[in-house]
Amino acid sequence: MIKVKEKISGTFASFKGGEIFARIRGYISTVKKNNRSVLEELSNVLKGKPYIPCGVGC
């Protein structure tokens, strides 16, 4: 995904922008892997209630 973003825009405007993109993309990936609604979970993040998956053996 990062390579696609880099090819489309040429590069990230800053290193911090790349970090932010990676963090958001990682969260979306985790939400999808746990069969959760991406839009609902992003909405919850903005409300201050992020989805945090349980660890191994839950």
N, C-alpha and C. Protein backbone atom coordinates (compact mmCIF):
# COMPACT_ATOMS: atom_id res chain seq x y z
N MET A 1 0.82 -1.19 0.00
CA MET A 1 0.00 0.00 0.00
C MET A 1 0.87 1.26 0.00
N ILE A 2 1.96 1.23 0.72
CA ILE A 2 2.83 2.40 0.78
C ILE A 2 3.42 2.69 -0.60
N LYS A 3 3.82 1.66 -1.32
CA LYS A 3 4.38 1.86 -2.66
C LYS A 3 3.34 2.48 -3.59
N VAL A 4 2.09 2.05 -3.47
CA VAL A 4 1.03 2.63 -4.30
C VAL A 4 0.88 4.11 -3.98
N LYS A 5 0.83 4.44 -2.70
CA LYS A 5 0.70 5.84 -2.29
C LYS A 5 1.90 6.65 -2.79
N GLU A 6 3.08 6.07 -2.68
CA GLU A 6 4.28 6.77 -3.11
C GLU A 6 4.27 7.00 -4.62
N LYS A 7 3.80 6.01 -5.39
CA LYS A 7 3.75 6.15 -6.85
C LYS A 7 2.73 7.19 -7.28
N ILE A 8 1.61 7.27 -6.59
CA ILE A 8 0.55 8.21 -6.95
C ILE A 8 0.99 9.64 -6.68
N SER A 9 1.50 9.90 -5.49
CA SER A 9 1.83 11.27 -5.13
C SER A 9 3.31 11.60 -5.34
N GLY A 10 4.11 10.64 -5.72
CA GLY A 10 5.53 10.87 -5.90
C GLY A 10 6.30 10.52 -4.64
N THR A 11 5.83 10.99 -3.52
CA THR A 11 6.41 10.67 -2.22
C THR A 11 5.55 11.34 -1.15
N PHE A 12 5.82 11.07 0.07
CA PHE A 12 5.12 11.76 1.16
C PHE A 12 5.74 13.13 1.34
N ALA A 13 4.95 14.09 1.74
CA ALA A 13 5.44 15.46 1.90
C ALA A 13 6.50 15.53 3.00
N SER A 14 6.39 14.66 3.99
CA SER A 14 7.36 14.65 5.07
C SER A 14 7.43 13.25 5.67
N PHE A 15 8.44 13.03 6.47
CA PHE A 15 8.58 11.74 7.16
C PHE A 15 7.40 11.54 8.10
N LYS A 16 6.99 12.60 8.77
CA LYS A 16 5.84 12.53 9.69
C LYS A 16 4.57 12.12 8.94
N GLY A 17 4.38 12.63 7.72
CA GLY A 17 3.22 12.25 6.91
C GLY A 17 3.21 10.76 6.61
N GLY A 18 4.39 10.20 6.33
CA GLY A 18 4.51 8.77 6.09
C GLY A 18 4.17 7.97 7.34
N GLU A 19 4.63 8.45 8.49
CA GLU A 19 4.31 7.77 9.76
C GLU A 19 2.81 7.77 10.03
N ILE A 20 2.17 8.90 9.80
CA ILE A 20 0.72 9.01 10.02
C ILE A 20 -0.03 8.07 9.09
N PHE A 21 0.36 8.05 7.81
CA PHE A 21 -0.27 7.16 6.84
C PHE A 21 -0.13 5.71 7.27
N ALA A 22 1.07 5.31 7.68
CA ALA A 22 1.31 3.93 8.09
C ALA A 22 0.48 3.56 9.32
N ARG A 23 0.35 4.47 10.26
CA ARG A 23 -0.41 4.19 11.47
C ARG A 23 -1.90 4.00 11.15
N ILE A 24 -2.45 4.88 10.33
CA ILE A 24 -3.87 4.77 9.95
C ILE A 24 -4.10 3.50 9.15
N ARG A 25 -3.21 3.23 8.18
CA ARG A 25 -3.35 2.04 7.34
C ARG A 25 -3.24 0.77 8.18
N GLY A 26 -2.35 0.76 9.16
CA GLY A 26 -2.20 -0.38 10.06
C GLY A 26 -3.45 -0.62 10.88
N TYR A 27 -4.06 0.45 11.35
CA TYR A 27 -5.29 0.34 12.14
C TYR A 27 -6.41 -0.24 11.28
N ILE A 28 -6.54 0.25 10.06
CA ILE A 28 -7.57 -0.25 9.15
C ILE A 28 -7.34 -1.73 8.86
N SER A 29 -6.10 -2.12 8.66
CA SER A 29 -5.78 -3.51 8.40
C SER A 29 -6.16 -4.39 9.58
N THR A 30 -5.87 -3.94 10.79
CA THR A 30 -6.22 -4.70 12.00
C THR A 30 -7.72 -4.85 12.14
N VAL A 31 -8.45 -3.78 11.88
CA VAL A 31 -9.91 -3.80 11.97
C VAL A 31 -10.48 -4.82 10.97
N LYS A 32 -9.96 -4.81 9.74
CA LYS A 32 -10.44 -5.75 8.72
C LYS A 32 -10.14 -7.20 9.12
N LYS A 33 -8.95 -7.45 9.65
CA LYS A 33 -8.57 -8.81 10.04
C LYS A 33 -9.44 -9.35 11.17
N ASN A 34 -10.04 -8.44 11.93
CA ASN A 34 -10.90 -8.85 13.04
C ASN A 34 -12.39 -8.75 12.68
N ASN A 35 -12.66 -8.71 11.37
CA ASN A 35 -14.04 -8.70 10.84
C ASN A 35 -14.91 -7.62 11.46
N ARG A 36 -14.35 -6.43 11.58
CA ARG A 36 -15.09 -5.28 12.10
C ARG A 36 -15.38 -4.33 10.95
N SER A 37 -16.37 -3.48 11.12
CA SER A 37 -16.71 -2.47 10.12
C SER A 37 -15.70 -1.33 10.20
N VAL A 38 -15.00 -1.09 9.08
CA VAL A 38 -13.96 -0.06 9.06
C VAL A 38 -14.56 1.32 9.34
N LEU A 39 -15.65 1.66 8.67
CA LEU A 39 -16.24 2.99 8.87
C LEU A 39 -16.74 3.17 10.31
N GLU A 40 -17.34 2.14 10.85
CA GLU A 40 -17.84 2.22 12.23
C GLU A 40 -16.68 2.39 13.21
N GLU A 41 -15.60 1.64 13.00
CA GLU A 41 -14.45 1.73 13.91
C GLU A 41 -13.71 3.06 13.76
N LEU A 42 -13.63 3.60 12.55
CA LEU A 42 -13.01 4.92 12.38
C LEU A 42 -13.86 5.99 13.07
N SER A 43 -15.17 5.82 12.99
CA SER A 43 -16.08 6.74 13.69
C SER A 43 -15.85 6.65 15.20
N ASN A 44 -15.68 5.43 15.69
CA ASN A 44 -15.44 5.23 17.12
C ASN A 44 -14.12 5.86 17.56
N VAL A 45 -13.11 5.79 16.69
CA VAL A 45 -11.82 6.42 17.01
C VAL A 45 -12.00 7.92 17.21
N LEU A 46 -12.77 8.54 16.32
CA LEU A 46 -13.00 9.98 16.44
C LEU A 46 -13.81 10.34 17.67
N LYS A 47 -14.58 9.37 18.18
CA LYS A 47 -15.35 9.58 19.41
C LYS A 47 -14.51 9.28 20.66
N GLY A 48 -13.28 8.82 20.45
CA GLY A 48 -12.40 8.51 21.58
C GLY A 48 -12.55 7.10 22.11
N LYS A 49 -13.13 6.20 21.29
CA LYS A 49 -13.32 4.81 21.71
C LYS A 49 -12.73 3.87 20.66
N PRO A 50 -11.41 3.82 20.54
CA PRO A 50 -10.80 2.98 19.51
C PRO A 50 -10.97 1.50 19.79
N TYR A 51 -11.01 0.71 18.72
CA TYR A 51 -11.06 -0.75 18.85
C TYR A 51 -9.67 -1.24 19.16
N ILE A 52 -9.55 -1.98 20.24
CA ILE A 52 -8.26 -2.57 20.62
C ILE A 52 -8.48 -4.07 20.72
N PRO A 53 -7.90 -4.84 19.79
CA PRO A 53 -8.11 -6.29 19.81
C PRO A 53 -7.44 -6.90 21.04
N CYS A 54 -8.04 -7.97 21.53
CA CYS A 54 -7.44 -8.65 22.68
C CYS A 54 -6.19 -9.41 22.24
N GLY A 55 -5.33 -9.72 23.15
CA GLY A 55 -4.10 -10.42 22.83
C GLY A 55 -4.33 -11.91 22.60
N VAL A 56 -3.28 -12.66 22.53
CA VAL A 56 -3.35 -14.10 22.28
C VAL A 56 -4.02 -14.80 23.45
N GLY A 57 -4.93 -15.70 23.12
CA GLY A 57 -5.58 -16.50 24.15
C GLY A 57 -6.80 -15.87 24.77
N CYS A 58 -7.42 -14.92 24.13
CA CYS A 58 -8.62 -14.26 24.68
C CYS A 58 -9.83 -15.14 24.53
